[in-house]
Amino acid sequence: VTEVSKDEWDISGEFISSTNILGLVVFSLVLGVTLANMKDKG
């Protein structure tokens, strides 16, 4: 096939089967800090 620069390739996204640990860690940290700041309510 004709060589095409990768800058011109079609860009898309997909969700692959793998736990997103990074995102869950960030959410857990934010929720933990929020509960600490809420004192008795949290």
All heavy atoms as atom14 arrays in JSON, in Angstrom:
{
  "sequence": "VTEVSKDEWDISGEFISSTNILGLVVFSLVLGVTLANMKDKG",
  "atom14_mask": [
    [1, 1, 1, 1, 1, 1, 1, 0, 0, 0, 0, 0, 0, 0],
    [1, 1, 1, 1, 1, 1, 1, 0, 0, 0, 0, 0, 0, 0],
    [1, 1, 1, 1, 1, 1, 1, 1, 1, 0, 0, 0, 0, 0],
    [1, 1, 1, 1, 1, 1, 1, 0, 0, 0, 0, 0, 0, 0],
    [1, 1, 1, 1, 1, 1, 0, 0, 0, 0, 0, 0, 0, 0],
    [1, 1, 1, 1, 1, 1, 1, 1, 1, 0, 0, 0, 0, 0],
    [1, 1, 1, 1, 1, 1, 1, 1, 0, 0, 0, 0, 0, 0],
    [1, 1, 1, 1, 1, 1, 1, 1, 1, 0, 0, 0, 0, 0],
    [1, 1, 1, 1, 1, 1, 1, 1, 1, 1, 1, 1, 1, 1],
    [1, 1, 1, 1, 1, 1, 1, 1, 0, 0, 0, 0, 0, 0],
    [1, 1, 1, 1, 1, 1, 1, 1, 0, 0, 0, 0, 0, 0],
    [1, 1, 1, 1, 1, 1, 0, 0, 0, 0, 0, 0, 0, 0],
    [1, 1, 1, 1, 0, 0, 0, 0, 0, 0, 0, 0, 0, 0],
    [1, 1, 1, 1, 1, 1, 1, 1, 1, 0, 0, 0, 0, 0],
    [1, 1, 1, 1, 1, 1, 1, 1, 1, 1, 1, 0, 0, 0],
    [1, 1, 1, 1, 1, 1, 1, 1, 0, 0, 0, 0, 0, 0],
    [1, 1, 1, 1, 1, 1, 0, 0, 0, 0, 0, 0, 0, 0],
    [1, 1, 1, 1, 1, 1, 0, 0, 0, 0, 0, 0, 0, 0],
    [1, 1, 1, 1, 1, 1, 1, 0, 0, 0, 0, 0, 0, 0],
    [1, 1, 1, 1, 1, 1, 1, 1, 0, 0, 0, 0, 0, 0],
    [1, 1, 1, 1, 1, 1, 1, 1, 0, 0, 0, 0, 0, 0],
    [1, 1, 1, 1, 1, 1, 1, 1, 0, 0, 0, 0, 0, 0],
    [1, 1, 1, 1, 0, 0, 0, 0, 0, 0, 0, 0, 0, 0],
    [1, 1, 1, 1, 1, 1, 1, 1, 0, 0, 0, 0, 0, 0],
    [1, 1, 1, 1, 1, 1, 1, 0, 0, 0, 0, 0, 0, 0],
    [1, 1, 1, 1, 1, 1, 1, 0, 0, 0, 0, 0, 0, 0],
    [1, 1, 1, 1, 1, 1, 1, 1, 1, 1, 1, 0, 0, 0],
    [1, 1, 1, 1, 1, 1, 0, 0, 0, 0, 0, 0, 0, 0],
    [1, 1, 1, 1, 1, 1, 1, 1, 0, 0, 0, 0, 0, 0],
    [1, 1, 1, 1, 1, 1, 1, 0, 0, 0, 0, 0, 0, 0],
    [1, 1, 1, 1, 1, 1, 1, 1, 0, 0, 0, 0, 0, 0],
    [1, 1, 1, 1, 0, 0, 0, 0, 0, 0, 0, 0, 0, 0],
    [1, 1, 1, 1, 1, 1, 1, 0, 0, 0, 0, 0, 0, 0],
    [1, 1, 1, 1, 1, 1, 1, 0, 0, 0, 0, 0, 0, 0],
    [1, 1, 1, 1, 1, 1, 1, 1, 0, 0, 0, 0, 0, 0],
    [1, 1, 1, 1, 1, 0, 0, 0, 0, 0, 0, 0, 0, 0],
    [1, 1, 1, 1, 1, 1, 1, 1, 0, 0, 0, 0, 0, 0],
    [1, 1, 1, 1, 1, 1, 1, 1, 0, 0, 0, 0, 0, 0],
    [1, 1, 1, 1, 1, 1, 1, 1, 1, 0, 0, 0, 0, 0],
    [1, 1, 1, 1, 1, 1, 1, 1, 0, 0, 0, 0, 0, 0],
    [1, 1, 1, 1, 1, 1, 1, 1, 1, 0, 0, 0, 0, 0],
    [1, 1, 1, 1, 0, 0, 0, 0, 0, 0, 0, 0, 0, 0]
  ],
  "atom14_positions": [
    [[0.84, -1.2, 0.0], [0.0, 0.0, 0.0], [0.87, 1.24, 0.0], [2.04, 1.21, 0.38], [-0.94, 0.03, 1.23], [-1.91, -1.1, 1.18], [-0.14, 0.02, 2.5], [0.0, 0.0, 0.0], [0.0, 0.0, 0.0], [0.0, 0.0, 0.0], [0.0, 0.0, 0.0], [0.0, 0.0, 0.0], [0.0, 0.0, 0.0], [0.0, 0.0, 0.0]],
    [[0.3, 2.34, -0.44], [1.04, 3.59, -0.5], [1.4, 4.05, 0.91], [0.58, 4.02, 1.81], [0.17, 4.66, -1.18], [-0.26, 4.17, -2.45], [0.96, 5.95, -1.35], [0.0, 0.0, 0.0], [0.0, 0.0, 0.0], [0.0, 0.0, 0.0], [0.0, 0.0, 0.0], [0.0, 0.0, 0.0], [0.0, 0.0, 0.0], [0.0, 0.0, 0.0]],
    [[2.66, 4.45, 1.07], [3.1, 4.9, 2.37], [2.42, 6.21, 2.72], [2.45, 7.17, 1.94], [4.63, 5.09, 2.37], [5.4, 3.79, 2.37], [5.17, 3.0, 3.63], [4.94, 3.63, 4.68], [5.18, 1.76, 3.57], [0.0, 0.0, 0.0], [0.0, 0.0, 0.0], [0.0, 0.0, 0.0], [0.0, 0.0, 0.0], [0.0, 0.0, 0.0]],
    [[1.82, 6.27, 3.88], [1.15, 7.47, 4.36], [1.69, 7.8, 5.74], [1.85, 6.92, 6.58], [-0.39, 7.26, 4.44], [-1.07, 8.51, 4.98], [-0.94, 6.88, 3.08], [0.0, 0.0, 0.0], [0.0, 0.0, 0.0], [0.0, 0.0, 0.0], [0.0, 0.0, 0.0], [0.0, 0.0, 0.0], [0.0, 0.0, 0.0], [0.0, 0.0, 0.0]],
    [[2.01, 9.08, 5.98], [2.51, 9.49, 7.28], [1.49, 9.14, 8.36], [0.27, 9.27, 8.15], [2.76, 11.0, 7.29], [3.01, 11.46, 8.6], [0.0, 0.0, 0.0], [0.0, 0.0, 0.0], [0.0, 0.0, 0.0], [0.0, 0.0, 0.0], [0.0, 0.0, 0.0], [0.0, 0.0, 0.0], [0.0, 0.0, 0.0], [0.0, 0.0, 0.0]],
    [[1.99, 8.69, 9.49], [1.08, 8.31, 10.57], [0.27, 9.49, 11.09], [-0.77, 9.31, 11.73], [1.86, 7.66, 11.72], [2.31, 6.24, 11.41], [2.86, 5.54, 12.63], [3.21, 4.09, 12.31], [3.72, 3.36, 13.49], [0.0, 0.0, 0.0], [0.0, 0.0, 0.0], [0.0, 0.0, 0.0], [0.0, 0.0, 0.0], [0.0, 0.0, 0.0]],
    [[0.73, 10.7, 10.82], [-0.05, 11.88, 11.2], [-1.35, 11.96, 10.42], [-2.28, 12.65, 10.83], [0.78, 13.15, 10.97], [1.95, 13.26, 11.94], [1.89, 12.62, 13.0], [2.92, 13.98, 11.63], [0.0, 0.0, 0.0], [0.0, 0.0, 0.0], [0.0, 0.0, 0.0], [0.0, 0.0, 0.0], [0.0, 0.0, 0.0], [0.0, 0.0, 0.0]],
    [[-1.4, 11.27, 9.27], [-2.59, 11.29, 8.43], [-3.47, 10.05, 8.62], [-4.48, 9.9, 7.96], [-2.17, 11.39, 6.95], [-1.39, 12.65, 6.61], [-2.19, 13.91, 6.87], [-3.43, 13.86, 6.69], [-1.6, 14.93, 7.25], [0.0, 0.0, 0.0], [0.0, 0.0, 0.0], [0.0, 0.0, 0.0], [0.0, 0.0, 0.0], [0.0, 0.0, 0.0]],
    [[-3.05, 9.13, 9.49], [-3.86, 7.93, 9.73], [-5.14, 8.31, 10.47], [-5.19, 9.31, 11.21], [-3.07, 6.91, 10.54], [-2.02, 6.17, 9.75], [-1.31, 6.64, 8.69], [-1.57, 4.84, 9.99], [-0.44, 5.7, 8.24], [-0.56, 4.57, 9.01], [-1.88, 3.86, 10.9], [0.1, 3.36, 8.95], [-1.23, 2.64, 10.84], [-0.26, 2.39, 9.87]],
    [[-6.18, 7.52, 10.3], [-7.45, 7.75, 10.99], [-7.29, 7.47, 12.48], [-6.71, 6.46, 12.87], [-8.55, 6.84, 10.41], [-8.83, 7.14, 8.95], [-8.64, 8.31, 8.55], [-9.21, 6.21, 8.21], [0.0, 0.0, 0.0], [0.0, 0.0, 0.0], [0.0, 0.0, 0.0], [0.0, 0.0, 0.0], [0.0, 0.0, 0.0], [0.0, 0.0, 0.0]],
    [[-7.83, 8.38, 13.3], [-7.71, 8.25, 14.76], [-9.06, 7.87, 15.35], [-10.08, 8.48, 15.05], [-7.23, 9.58, 15.39], [-5.9, 10.02, 14.77], [-7.1, 9.43, 16.9], [-5.45, 11.41, 15.21], [0.0, 0.0, 0.0], [0.0, 0.0, 0.0], [0.0, 0.0, 0.0], [0.0, 0.0, 0.0], [0.0, 0.0, 0.0], [0.0, 0.0, 0.0]],
    [[-9.05, 6.84, 16.17], [-10.27, 6.42, 16.85], [-9.89, 5.89, 18.23], [-8.72, 5.76, 18.56], [-11.0, 5.33, 16.05], [-10.17, 4.19, 15.9], [0.0, 0.0, 0.0], [0.0, 0.0, 0.0], [0.0, 0.0, 0.0], [0.0, 0.0, 0.0], [0.0, 0.0, 0.0], [0.0, 0.0, 0.0], [0.0, 0.0, 0.0], [0.0, 0.0, 0.0]],
    [[-10.9, 5.61, 19.01], [-10.66, 5.09, 20.35], [-11.55, 3.89, 20.63], [-12.61, 3.74, 20.01], [0.0, 0.0, 0.0], [0.0, 0.0, 0.0], [0.0, 0.0, 0.0], [0.0, 0.0, 0.0], [0.0, 0.0, 0.0], [0.0, 0.0, 0.0], [0.0, 0.0, 0.0], [0.0, 0.0, 0.0], [0.0, 0.0, 0.0], [0.0, 0.0, 0.0]],
    [[-11.09, 3.05, 21.53], [-11.88, 1.89, 21.9], [-11.61, 1.54, 23.35], [-10.57, 1.92, 23.9], [-11.56, 0.7, 21.0], [-10.12, 0.23, 21.12], [-9.81, -0.93, 20.18], [-10.65, -1.21, 19.29], [-8.74, -1.54, 20.33], [0.0, 0.0, 0.0], [0.0, 0.0, 0.0], [0.0, 0.0, 0.0], [0.0, 0.0, 0.0], [0.0, 0.0, 0.0]],
    [[-12.54, 0.84, 23.96], [-12.34, 0.37, 25.33], [-11.95, -1.1, 25.26], [-12.65, -1.92, 24.67], [-13.62, 0.55, 26.15], [-13.85, 1.97, 26.58], [-14.61, 2.82, 25.81], [-13.28, 2.45, 27.75], [-14.82, 4.14, 26.19], [-13.47, 3.76, 28.14], [-14.24, 4.62, 27.36], [0.0, 0.0, 0.0], [0.0, 0.0, 0.0], [0.0, 0.0, 0.0]],
    [[-10.78, -1.4, 25.84], [-10.28, -2.77, 25.81], [-10.54, -3.44, 27.16], [-10.68, -2.77, 28.19], [-8.77, -2.8, 25.48], [-7.97, -2.0, 26.52], [-8.51, -2.26, 24.09], [-6.47, -2.09, 26.36], [0.0, 0.0, 0.0], [0.0, 0.0, 0.0], [0.0, 0.0, 0.0], [0.0, 0.0, 0.0], [0.0, 0.0, 0.0], [0.0, 0.0, 0.0]],
    [[-10.59, -4.74, 27.15], [-10.9, -5.5, 28.36], [-9.69, -5.53, 29.3], [-8.79, -6.34, 29.15], [-11.31, -6.93, 27.98], [-11.58, -7.69, 29.14], [0.0, 0.0, 0.0], [0.0, 0.0, 0.0], [0.0, 0.0, 0.0], [0.0, 0.0, 0.0], [0.0, 0.0, 0.0], [0.0, 0.0, 0.0], [0.0, 0.0, 0.0], [0.0, 0.0, 0.0]],
    [[-9.68, -4.61, 30.23], [-8.6, -4.51, 31.23], [-9.01, -3.51, 32.29], [-9.4, -2.39, 31.95], [-7.29, -4.08, 30.57], [-6.26, -3.95, 31.53], [0.0, 0.0, 0.0], [0.0, 0.0, 0.0], [0.0, 0.0, 0.0], [0.0, 0.0, 0.0], [0.0, 0.0, 0.0], [0.0, 0.0, 0.0], [0.0, 0.0, 0.0], [0.0, 0.0, 0.0]],
    [[-8.96, -3.87, 33.53], [-9.39, -2.97, 34.61], [-8.58, -1.68, 34.6], [-7.35, -1.71, 34.55], [-9.23, -3.65, 35.98], [-9.97, -4.87, 35.99], [-9.73, -2.75, 37.1], [0.0, 0.0, 0.0], [0.0, 0.0, 0.0], [0.0, 0.0, 0.0], [0.0, 0.0, 0.0], [0.0, 0.0, 0.0], [0.0, 0.0, 0.0], [0.0, 0.0, 0.0]],
    [[-9.27, -0.57, 34.66], [-8.61, 0.74, 34.68], [-8.24, 1.09, 36.13], [-8.92, 1.87, 36.79], [-9.54, 1.8, 34.08], [-8.9, 3.18, 34.05], [-7.72, 3.34, 34.36], [-9.7, 4.17, 33.71], [0.0, 0.0, 0.0], [0.0, 0.0, 0.0], [0.0, 0.0, 0.0], [0.0, 0.0, 0.0], [0.0, 0.0, 0.0], [0.0, 0.0, 0.0]],
    [[-7.16, 0.48, 36.59], [-6.74, 0.67, 37.98], [-6.38, 2.12, 38.25], [-6.68, 2.68, 39.32], [-5.54, -0.24, 38.31], [-5.97, -1.71, 38.26], [-4.98, 0.08, 39.68], [-6.92, -2.12, 39.36], [0.0, 0.0, 0.0], [0.0, 0.0, 0.0], [0.0, 0.0, 0.0], [0.0, 0.0, 0.0], [0.0, 0.0, 0.0], [0.0, 0.0, 0.0]],
    [[-5.72, 2.79, 37.3], [-5.31, 4.18, 37.51], [-6.52, 5.06, 37.81], [-6.49, 5.87, 38.75], [-4.59, 4.7, 36.26], [-3.13, 4.29, 36.07], [-2.62, 4.79, 34.72], [-2.26, 4.82, 37.19], [0.0, 0.0, 0.0], [0.0, 0.0, 0.0], [0.0, 0.0, 0.0], [0.0, 0.0, 0.0], [0.0, 0.0, 0.0], [0.0, 0.0, 0.0]],
    [[-7.58, 4.92, 37.03], [-8.77, 5.73, 37.25], [-9.44, 5.44, 38.57], [-9.88, 6.36, 39.28], [0.0, 0.0, 0.0], [0.0, 0.0, 0.0], [0.0, 0.0, 0.0], [0.0, 0.0, 0.0], [0.0, 0.0, 0.0], [0.0, 0.0, 0.0], [0.0, 0.0, 0.0], [0.0, 0.0, 0.0], [0.0, 0.0, 0.0], [0.0, 0.0, 0.0]],
    [[-9.5, 4.18, 38.95], [-10.11, 3.8, 40.23], [-9.29, 4.29, 41.41], [-9.84, 4.65, 42.45], [-10.3, 2.28, 40.28], [-11.27, 1.7, 39.24], [-11.27, 0.18, 39.3], [-12.68, 2.24, 39.46], [0.0, 0.0, 0.0], [0.0, 0.0, 0.0], [0.0, 0.0, 0.0], [0.0, 0.0, 0.0], [0.0, 0.0, 0.0], [0.0, 0.0, 0.0]],
    [[-7.97, 4.27, 41.26], [-7.1, 4.79, 42.32], [-7.33, 6.28, 42.52], [-7.44, 6.76, 43.66], [-5.62, 4.5, 41.99], [-4.69, 5.36, 42.85], [-5.29, 3.03, 42.22], [0.0, 0.0, 0.0], [0.0, 0.0, 0.0], [0.0, 0.0, 0.0], [0.0, 0.0, 0.0], [0.0, 0.0, 0.0], [0.0, 0.0, 0.0], [0.0, 0.0, 0.0]],
    [[-7.4, 7.03, 41.42], [-7.64, 8.48, 41.52], [-8.98, 8.75, 42.19], [-9.08, 9.6, 43.09], [-7.58, 9.14, 40.12], [-8.08, 10.59, 40.18], [-6.17, 9.1, 39.58], [0.0, 0.0, 0.0], [0.0, 0.0, 0.0], [0.0, 0.0, 0.0], [0.0, 0.0, 0.0], [0.0, 0.0, 0.0], [0.0, 0.0, 0.0], [0.0, 0.0, 0.0]],
    [[-10.03, 8.04, 41.78], [-11.35, 8.24, 42.39], [-11.31, 7.92, 43.89], [-11.88, 8.65, 44.71], [-12.38, 7.35, 41.69], [-13.72, 7.36, 42.37], [-14.61, 8.41, 42.19], [-14.09, 6.32, 43.23], [-15.84, 8.42, 42.84], [-15.32, 6.32, 43.87], [-16.19, 7.37, 43.67], [0.0, 0.0, 0.0], [0.0, 0.0, 0.0], [0.0, 0.0, 0.0]],
    [[-10.63, 6.83, 44.25], [-10.55, 6.42, 45.66], [-9.83, 7.47, 46.49], [-10.24, 7.78, 47.62], [-9.85, 5.07, 45.78], [-10.54, 4.07, 45.08], [0.0, 0.0, 0.0], [0.0, 0.0, 0.0], [0.0, 0.0, 0.0], [0.0, 0.0, 0.0], [0.0, 0.0, 0.0], [0.0, 0.0, 0.0], [0.0, 0.0, 0.0], [0.0, 0.0, 0.0]],
    [[-8.75, 8.03, 45.95], [-8.0, 9.06, 46.67], [-8.87, 10.31, 46.86], [-8.89, 10.89, 47.96], [-6.73, 9.42, 45.9], [-5.62, 8.36, 45.87], [-4.49, 8.79, 44.94], [-5.08, 8.11, 47.27], [0.0, 0.0, 0.0], [0.0, 0.0, 0.0], [0.0, 0.0, 0.0], [0.0, 0.0, 0.0], [0.0, 0.0, 0.0], [0.0, 0.0, 0.0]],
    [[-9.56, 10.72, 45.81], [-10.42, 11.91, 45.9], [-11.54, 11.69, 46.92], [-11.84, 12.57, 47.75], [-11.0, 12.27, 44.52], [-12.05, 13.38, 44.65], [-9.89, 12.71, 43.58], [0.0, 0.0, 0.0], [0.0, 0.0, 0.0], [0.0, 0.0, 0.0], [0.0, 0.0, 0.0], [0.0, 0.0, 0.0], [0.0, 0.0, 0.0], [0.0, 0.0, 0.0]],
    [[-12.17, 10.52, 46.88], [-13.25, 10.23, 47.82], [-12.72, 10.16, 49.25], [-13.37, 10.67, 50.19], [-13.91, 8.89, 47.45], [-15.07, 8.45, 48.35], [-16.17, 9.52, 48.4], [-15.65, 7.12, 47.87], [0.0, 0.0, 0.0], [0.0, 0.0, 0.0], [0.0, 0.0, 0.0], [0.0, 0.0, 0.0], [0.0, 0.0, 0.0], [0.0, 0.0, 0.0]],
    [[-11.54, 9.57, 49.44], [-10.96, 9.51, 50.78], [-10.67, 10.88, 51.34], [-10.97, 11.17, 52.51], [0.0, 0.0, 0.0], [0.0, 0.0, 0.0], [0.0, 0.0, 0.0], [0.0, 0.0, 0.0], [0.0, 0.0, 0.0], [0.0, 0.0, 0.0], [0.0, 0.0, 0.0], [0.0, 0.0, 0.0], [0.0, 0.0, 0.0], [0.0, 0.0, 0.0]],
    [[-10.08, 11.76, 50.52], [-9.79, 13.13, 50.96], [-11.09, 13.87, 51.28], [-11.19, 14.61, 52.27], [-8.99, 13.89, 49.87], [-8.89, 15.38, 50.21], [-7.6, 13.29, 49.73], [0.0, 0.0, 0.0], [0.0, 0.0, 0.0], [0.0, 0.0, 0.0], [0.0, 0.0, 0.0], [0.0, 0.0, 0.0], [0.0, 0.0, 0.0], [0.0, 0.0, 0.0]],
    [[-12.11, 13.67, 50.44], [-13.4, 14.34, 50.66], [-14.04, 13.9, 51.98], [-14.53, 14.73, 52.75], [-14.36, 14.02, 49.5], [-13.77, 14.44, 48.27], [-15.69, 14.74, 49.69], [0.0, 0.0, 0.0], [0.0, 0.0, 0.0], [0.0, 0.0, 0.0], [0.0, 0.0, 0.0], [0.0, 0.0, 0.0], [0.0, 0.0, 0.0], [0.0, 0.0, 0.0]],
    [[-14.01, 12.6, 52.25], [-14.58, 12.09, 53.51], [-13.81, 12.63, 54.72], [-14.41, 12.91, 55.77], [-14.58, 10.57, 53.52], [-15.52, 9.88, 52.52], [-15.35, 8.36, 52.57], [-16.97, 10.25, 52.82], [0.0, 0.0, 0.0], [0.0, 0.0, 0.0], [0.0, 0.0, 0.0], [0.0, 0.0, 0.0], [0.0, 0.0, 0.0], [0.0, 0.0, 0.0]],
    [[-12.49, 12.76, 54.58], [-11.69, 13.32, 55.68], [-12.07, 14.77, 55.95], [-12.15, 15.2, 57.11], [-10.2, 13.2, 55.35], [0.0, 0.0, 0.0], [0.0, 0.0, 0.0], [0.0, 0.0, 0.0], [0.0, 0.0, 0.0], [0.0, 0.0, 0.0], [0.0, 0.0, 0.0], [0.0, 0.0, 0.0], [0.0, 0.0, 0.0], [0.0, 0.0, 0.0]],
    [[-12.32, 15.52, 54.88], [-12.68, 16.94, 55.04], [-14.11, 17.11, 55.56], [-14.44, 18.14, 56.16], [-12.55, 17.66, 53.69], [-11.1, 17.86, 53.29], [-10.22, 17.96, 54.13], [-10.84, 17.9, 51.98], [0.0, 0.0, 0.0], [0.0, 0.0, 0.0], [0.0, 0.0, 0.0], [0.0, 0.0, 0.0], [0.0, 0.0, 0.0], [0.0, 0.0, 0.0]],
    [[-14.96, 16.11, 55.36], [-16.35, 16.21, 55.82], [-16.48, 15.97, 57.32], [-17.56, 16.2, 57.9], [-17.22, 15.2, 55.06], [-17.43, 15.56, 53.6], [-18.36, 14.26, 52.7], [-19.96, 14.39, 53.5], [0.0, 0.0, 0.0], [0.0, 0.0, 0.0], [0.0, 0.0, 0.0], [0.0, 0.0, 0.0], [0.0, 0.0, 0.0], [0.0, 0.0, 0.0]],
    [[-15.41, 15.49, 57.95], [-15.41, 15.25, 59.4], [-16.56, 14.31, 59.81], [-16.68, 13.22, 59.3], [-15.51, 16.58, 60.17], [-14.43, 17.58, 59.8], [-13.03, 17.1, 60.17], [-11.98, 18.17, 59.85], [-10.62, 17.69, 60.14], [0.0, 0.0, 0.0], [0.0, 0.0, 0.0], [0.0, 0.0, 0.0], [0.0, 0.0, 0.0], [0.0, 0.0, 0.0]],
    [[-17.45, 14.77, 60.72], [-18.5, 13.92, 61.26], [-19.53, 13.5, 60.21], [-20.08, 12.4, 60.27], [-19.22, 14.64, 62.41], [-18.32, 14.79, 63.63], [-17.34, 14.02, 63.71], [-18.59, 15.66, 64.46], [0.0, 0.0, 0.0], [0.0, 0.0, 0.0], [0.0, 0.0, 0.0], [0.0, 0.0, 0.0], [0.0, 0.0, 0.0], [0.0, 0.0, 0.0]],
    [[-19.79, 14.39, 59.24], [-20.77, 14.05, 58.2], [-20.29, 12.88, 57.33], [-21.1, 12.09, 56.84], [-21.04, 15.28, 57.32], [-21.84, 16.37, 58.01], [-22.15, 17.5, 57.04], [-22.98, 18.58, 57.73], [-23.27, 19.7, 56.78], [0.0, 0.0, 0.0], [0.0, 0.0, 0.0], [0.0, 0.0, 0.0], [0.0, 0.0, 0.0], [0.0, 0.0, 0.0]],
    [[-19.0, 12.77, 57.14], [-18.47, 11.71, 56.3], [-18.15, 10.44, 57.05], [-17.81, 9.41, 56.44], [0.0, 0.0, 0.0], [0.0, 0.0, 0.0], [0.0, 0.0, 0.0], [0.0, 0.0, 0.0], [0.0, 0.0, 0.0], [0.0, 0.0, 0.0], [0.0, 0.0, 0.0], [0.0, 0.0, 0.0], [0.0, 0.0, 0.0], [0.0, 0.0, 0.0]]
  ]
}
